[in-house]
Amino acid sequence: MTDHIAVGRLWRHGAVAAAIATAVKLLVLALGRMTGGTFVVVFGSEPPMPVGVSAVTVMTVVSIALGLAVTTLVARRRPRRLRTMQVIGAAVAVASLFQPLTVDADTTTRIALAAMHLITGAAFVLALWRTRPLAEVPPAPSEPRADAHRHA
């Protein structure tokens, strides 16, 4: 078994994760609007900013791409650090909840935006989980271990 991380595989899984996360977040956006969310936010003294399809899409793709770029740099030197990067990605998603939960917006908008942050974090974590090296993934109970022939 190898500890090598195929960078192309990492980015393919990331692209799929970004696409799925974007679709789910756009569904959250639509449901939020249907339930009365305005999706207009105000940051301090800035003018009101509408949150729409393009903002949701761009922020999802950029967030996951930034995480993948950092992960690529880490994984080239230490492939077993993917689990660490998963934990960091989850922590960043949770820490990012401060912004949507405290922004000047209606409650539905704040809750939907917070959910979107968690969806992006979950997508990133799952993309890395799908990419982890074989040496890090224990065999399923129904599968024989790779070294089972030595013990027979």
Protein backbone atom coordinates (compact mmCIF):
# COMPACT_ATOMS: atom_id res chain seq x y z
CA MET A 1 0.00 0.00 0.00
CA THR A 2 1.11 3.52 -0.60
CA ASP A 3 0.87 6.80 1.27
CA HIS A 4 1.07 8.78 -1.97
CA ILE A 5 -1.72 11.25 -2.67
CA ALA A 6 -2.65 11.70 -6.31
CA VAL A 7 -3.15 15.43 -6.63
CA GLY A 8 -5.43 14.97 -9.64
CA ARG A 9 -7.63 12.65 -7.60
CA LEU A 10 -7.77 15.18 -4.77
CA TRP A 11 -8.90 17.94 -7.15
CA ARG A 12 -11.42 15.66 -8.92
CA HIS A 13 -13.02 14.79 -5.59
CA GLY A 14 -12.92 18.47 -4.67
CA ALA A 15 -14.65 19.46 -7.92
CA VAL A 16 -17.40 16.91 -7.33
CA ALA A 17 -17.75 18.08 -3.72
CA ALA A 18 -17.97 21.72 -4.84
CA ALA A 19 -20.62 20.90 -7.44
CA ILE A 20 -22.74 18.93 -4.97
CA ALA A 21 -22.31 21.54 -2.23
CA THR A 22 -23.30 24.30 -4.65
CA ALA A 23 -26.45 22.43 -5.67
CA VAL A 24 -27.42 21.78 -2.05
CA LYS A 25 -26.71 25.39 -1.06
CA LEU A 26 -28.79 26.71 -3.95
CA LEU A 27 -31.62 24.51 -2.71
CA VAL A 28 -31.18 26.04 0.77
CA LEU A 29 -31.25 29.50 -0.85
CA ALA A 30 -34.49 28.68 -2.69
CA LEU A 31 -36.12 27.19 0.41
CA GLY A 32 -35.00 30.18 2.47
CA ARG A 33 -36.56 32.58 0.00
CA MET A 34 -39.77 30.55 -0.07
CA THR A 35 -39.98 30.80 3.72
CA GLY A 36 -39.53 34.56 3.81
CA GLY A 37 -35.76 35.07 3.85
CA THR A 38 -34.70 38.27 2.11
CA PHE A 39 -31.05 37.24 1.66
CA VAL A 40 -29.99 40.86 2.01
CA VAL A 41 -27.18 41.35 4.51
CA VAL A 42 -25.56 44.44 5.97
CA PHE A 43 -21.98 44.47 7.22
CA GLY A 44 -21.47 47.40 9.58
CA SER A 45 -21.91 50.69 7.74
CA GLU A 46 -21.68 49.10 4.28
CA PRO A 47 -24.67 49.33 1.95
CA PRO A 48 -27.06 46.32 1.94
CA MET A 49 -25.72 43.41 -0.10
CA PRO A 50 -28.03 40.86 -1.70
CA VAL A 51 -26.92 37.22 -1.56
CA GLY A 52 -27.89 35.41 -4.72
CA VAL A 53 -27.05 32.45 -6.91
CA SER A 54 -23.77 33.88 -8.20
CA ALA A 55 -22.47 34.79 -4.73
CA VAL A 56 -23.36 31.36 -3.35
CA THR A 57 -21.74 29.59 -6.30
CA VAL A 58 -18.54 31.66 -6.32
CA MET A 59 -18.03 31.49 -2.55
CA THR A 60 -18.53 27.72 -2.54
CA VAL A 61 -16.08 27.07 -5.35
CA VAL A 62 -13.47 29.54 -4.04
CA SER A 63 -13.69 28.22 -0.46
CA ILE A 64 -13.24 24.60 -1.49
CA ALA A 65 -10.51 25.50 -3.99
CA LEU A 66 -8.54 27.40 -1.32
CA GLY A 67 -8.83 24.45 1.03
CA LEU A 68 -7.70 22.07 -1.70
CA ALA A 69 -4.73 24.30 -2.57
CA VAL A 70 -3.51 24.25 1.03
CA THR A 71 -4.19 20.53 1.25
CA THR A 72 -2.21 19.91 -1.94
CA LEU A 73 0.81 21.66 -0.46
CA VAL A 74 0.53 19.71 2.78
CA ALA A 75 -0.20 16.34 1.13
CA ARG A 76 2.83 16.50 -1.14
CA ARG A 77 5.08 16.48 1.91
CA ARG A 78 2.97 14.49 4.37
CA PRO A 79 0.14 12.46 2.81
CA ARG A 80 -1.03 11.21 6.19
CA ARG A 81 -1.93 14.79 7.14
CA LEU A 82 -5.21 14.58 5.22
CA ARG A 83 -7.02 13.69 8.42
CA THR A 84 -5.52 16.79 10.04
CA MET A 85 -6.69 18.86 7.09
CA GLN A 86 -10.18 17.40 7.50
CA VAL A 87 -10.24 18.52 11.13
CA ILE A 88 -8.95 21.97 10.17
CA GLY A 89 -11.58 22.24 7.42
CA ALA A 90 -14.36 21.33 9.85
CA ALA A 91 -13.01 23.80 12.42
CA VAL A 92 -12.88 26.60 9.85
CA ALA A 93 -16.49 25.86 8.85
CA VAL A 94 -17.64 26.02 12.47
CA ALA A 95 -15.59 29.15 13.17
CA SER A 96 -17.04 30.81 10.08
CA LEU A 97 -20.53 30.55 11.59
CA PHE A 98 -19.82 33.74 13.53
CA GLN A 99 -20.30 35.84 10.41
CA PRO A 100 -23.72 34.65 9.21
CA LEU A 101 -25.09 34.34 12.72
CA THR A 102 -24.16 37.92 13.64
CA VAL A 103 -24.71 39.76 10.35
CA ASP A 104 -27.53 42.28 10.12
CA ALA A 105 -30.20 40.21 8.34
CA ASP A 106 -33.49 38.51 9.04
CA THR A 107 -33.45 35.27 11.03
CA THR A 108 -34.26 33.01 8.07
CA THR A 109 -31.37 34.49 6.09
CA ARG A 110 -28.94 34.10 9.00
CA ILE A 111 -29.91 30.48 9.60
CA ALA A 112 -29.76 29.60 5.90
CA LEU A 113 -26.36 31.26 5.49
CA ALA A 114 -25.04 29.42 8.55
CA ALA A 115 -26.28 26.14 7.09
CA MET A 116 -24.50 26.99 3.84
CA HIS A 117 -21.21 27.46 5.70
CA LEU A 118 -21.59 24.03 7.28
CA ILE A 119 -22.48 22.47 3.90
CA THR A 120 -19.27 23.83 2.38
CA GLY A 121 -17.23 22.51 5.30
CA ALA A 122 -18.86 19.09 5.08
CA ALA A 123 -18.21 18.92 1.34
CA PHE A 124 -14.53 19.74 1.87
CA VAL A 125 -14.17 17.13 4.63
CA LEU A 126 -15.88 14.47 2.50
CA ALA A 127 -13.71 15.29 -0.52
CA LEU A 128 -10.60 14.67 1.57
CA TRP A 129 -12.10 11.52 3.06
CA ARG A 130 -12.60 10.13 -0.44
CA THR A 131 -8.96 10.96 -1.24
CA ARG A 132 -7.24 9.50 1.83
CA PRO A 133 -4.46 7.05 0.98
CA LEU A 134 -5.24 3.36 1.16
CA ALA A 135 -2.82 2.94 4.05
CA GLU A 136 -5.01 5.24 6.16
CA VAL A 137 -8.30 3.48 5.42
CA PRO A 138 -8.91 0.31 7.44
CA PRO A 139 -10.32 -2.63 5.46
CA ALA A 140 -14.04 -3.24 5.67
CA PRO A 141 -14.97 -6.12 8.02
CA SER A 142 -16.06 -8.30 5.09
CA GLU A 143 -12.81 -7.75 3.18
CA PRO A 144 -9.72 -9.83 3.95
CA ARG A 145 -6.75 -7.84 5.17
CA ALA A 146 -3.99 -7.26 2.66
CA ASP A 147 -1.58 -9.31 4.75
CA ALA A 148 -4.06 -12.14 5.47
CA HIS A 149 -2.15 -14.58 3.24
CA ARG A 150 0.85 -14.33 5.61
CA HIS A 151 -1.16 -15.59 8.56
CA ALA A 152 -2.74 -18.56 6.81
